[in-house]
Amino acid sequence: MRAWCAAALSVLLFGFCGGKFGVRDRYEGVKDGTLRVYARVGNPGGYDEDDAAKEFAAAFRQKGRDRAASLIAAAGIDRGNAPLDGKIVFLRCNDEFCEAFMDYRVHETKKDGTRNK
């Protein structure tokens, strides 16, 4: 419960901290053929964003794939086009953790079984 509260608080704080990646960009889900997921890893080494991108690349890829698979299962996305690797579109670190939003290209399936373009 404590970890969930910390994650929710950090996402909310990002919403109020401006920058290029605004509050409307901080979401999980599908929009215009792009699946966006959130991943977070511990930062015991105190890395900044540049170093964290290199140090935690494999961890972000794995956590992103796991979360994407979970969202795919829940959202009616064509499993034949399951994402293999995402692109980190936002990365932020503090002394305790680093977090990232990653985008994956996907195709949604409509309720009638046809695919959205």
Protein backbone atom coordinates (compact mmCIF):
# COMPACT_ATOMS: atom_id res chain seq x y z
CA MET A 1 0.00 0.00 0.00
CA ARG A 2 2.82 2.35 0.87
CA ALA A 3 4.56 1.77 -2.48
CA TRP A 4 1.29 2.36 -4.35
CA CYS A 5 0.76 5.65 -2.49
CA ALA A 6 4.31 6.74 -3.27
CA ALA A 7 3.85 5.91 -6.97
CA ALA A 8 0.51 7.74 -7.12
CA LEU A 9 1.98 10.76 -5.35
CA SER A 10 4.97 10.89 -7.70
CA VAL A 11 2.71 10.78 -10.76
CA LEU A 12 0.58 13.59 -9.28
CA LEU A 13 3.65 15.66 -8.47
CA PHE A 14 4.88 15.29 -12.05
CA GLY A 15 1.55 16.70 -13.16
CA PHE A 16 2.22 19.95 -11.35
CA CYS A 17 5.88 20.32 -12.32
CA GLY A 18 5.48 21.55 -15.91
CA GLY A 19 8.05 20.96 -18.63
CA LYS A 20 7.75 19.52 -22.12
CA PHE A 21 6.09 16.35 -20.87
CA GLY A 22 2.87 17.81 -19.48
CA VAL A 23 0.15 16.39 -17.28
CA ARG A 24 -1.85 15.29 -20.33
CA ASP A 25 1.12 13.18 -21.42
CA ARG A 26 1.28 11.28 -18.13
CA TYR A 27 -1.14 8.41 -18.61
CA GLU A 28 -1.21 4.68 -19.19
CA GLY A 29 -3.30 3.29 -22.02
CA VAL A 30 -3.86 3.43 -25.75
CA LYS A 31 -4.20 6.63 -27.75
CA ASP A 32 -3.88 6.94 -31.54
CA GLY A 33 -2.24 3.52 -31.96
CA THR A 34 0.31 4.09 -29.20
CA LEU A 35 0.30 2.18 -25.93
CA ARG A 36 1.89 4.23 -23.15
CA VAL A 37 3.11 2.50 -19.99
CA TYR A 38 4.69 3.64 -16.72
CA ALA A 39 7.68 1.90 -15.14
CA ARG A 40 9.67 2.62 -12.00
CA VAL A 41 12.98 1.22 -10.72
CA GLY A 42 14.96 1.85 -7.55
CA ASN A 43 17.88 4.26 -7.72
CA PRO A 44 20.27 3.28 -4.91
CA GLY A 45 23.23 4.74 -6.83
CA GLY A 46 21.67 8.20 -7.07
CA TYR A 47 21.95 8.30 -10.87
CA ASP A 48 20.72 11.29 -12.86
CA GLU A 49 18.53 10.86 -15.96
CA ASP A 50 21.43 10.49 -18.42
CA ASP A 51 23.22 7.83 -16.39
CA ALA A 52 19.96 6.09 -15.44
CA ALA A 53 18.96 5.69 -19.08
CA LYS A 54 22.12 3.63 -19.60
CA GLU A 55 22.23 1.87 -16.23
CA PHE A 56 18.57 0.86 -16.08
CA ALA A 57 17.82 0.33 -19.78
CA ALA A 58 17.31 -3.43 -19.40
CA ALA A 59 15.17 -3.00 -16.27
CA PHE A 60 12.96 -0.41 -17.97
CA ARG A 61 12.60 -2.64 -21.05
CA GLN A 62 11.57 -5.64 -18.94
CA LYS A 63 9.17 -3.71 -16.70
CA GLY A 64 7.71 -1.93 -19.72
CA ARG A 65 7.14 -5.20 -21.60
CA ASP A 66 5.51 -6.75 -18.52
CA ARG A 67 3.21 -3.78 -18.00
CA ALA A 68 2.40 -3.56 -21.72
CA ALA A 69 1.44 -7.25 -21.74
CA SER A 70 -0.87 -6.65 -18.79
CA LEU A 71 -2.56 -3.70 -20.48
CA ILE A 72 -2.83 -5.61 -23.77
CA ALA A 73 -4.65 -8.43 -22.00
CA ALA A 74 -7.12 -5.95 -20.48
CA ALA A 75 -7.70 -3.62 -23.44
CA GLY A 76 -8.61 -5.78 -26.43
CA ILE A 77 -5.45 -5.08 -28.37
CA ASP A 78 -4.49 -7.41 -31.22
CA ARG A 79 -2.02 -9.83 -29.61
CA GLY A 80 -0.38 -10.50 -32.99
CA ASN A 81 1.05 -7.01 -32.78
CA ALA A 82 2.22 -7.21 -29.18
CA PRO A 83 5.02 -4.72 -28.49
CA LEU A 84 8.54 -6.03 -28.23
CA ASP A 85 10.42 -2.90 -27.33
CA GLY A 86 9.24 0.52 -26.28
CA LYS A 87 10.67 3.97 -26.65
CA ILE A 88 11.30 5.94 -23.45
CA VAL A 89 9.51 9.25 -23.93
CA PHE A 90 10.02 10.58 -20.40
CA LEU A 91 12.55 9.72 -17.70
CA ARG A 92 12.97 11.31 -14.31
CA CYS A 93 15.12 10.32 -11.33
CA ASN A 94 15.43 11.33 -7.72
CA ASP A 95 17.55 9.88 -4.90
CA GLU A 96 15.21 6.92 -4.33
CA PHE A 97 13.90 5.87 -7.75
CA CYS A 98 13.78 6.52 -11.47
CA GLU A 99 10.56 6.43 -13.42
CA ALA A 100 9.75 6.45 -17.09
CA PHE A 101 6.88 6.53 -19.53
CA MET A 102 7.39 4.33 -22.60
CA ASP A 103 5.48 4.19 -25.87
CA TYR A 104 4.72 1.06 -27.91
CA ARG A 105 3.08 0.95 -31.35
CA VAL A 106 -0.03 -1.29 -31.29
CA HIS A 107 -3.28 -1.94 -33.14
CA GLU A 108 -6.53 -1.86 -31.21
CA THR A 109 -9.30 -4.31 -32.05
CA LYS A 110 -12.82 -2.92 -32.16
CA LYS A 111 -15.72 -4.77 -30.51
CA ASP A 112 -16.83 -6.11 -33.91
CA GLY A 113 -13.41 -7.77 -34.40
CA THR A 114 -12.00 -5.32 -36.95
CA ARG A 115 -8.78 -3.44 -36.32
CA ASN A 116 -8.39 0.29 -35.81
CA LYS A 117 -5.74 1.78 -38.07
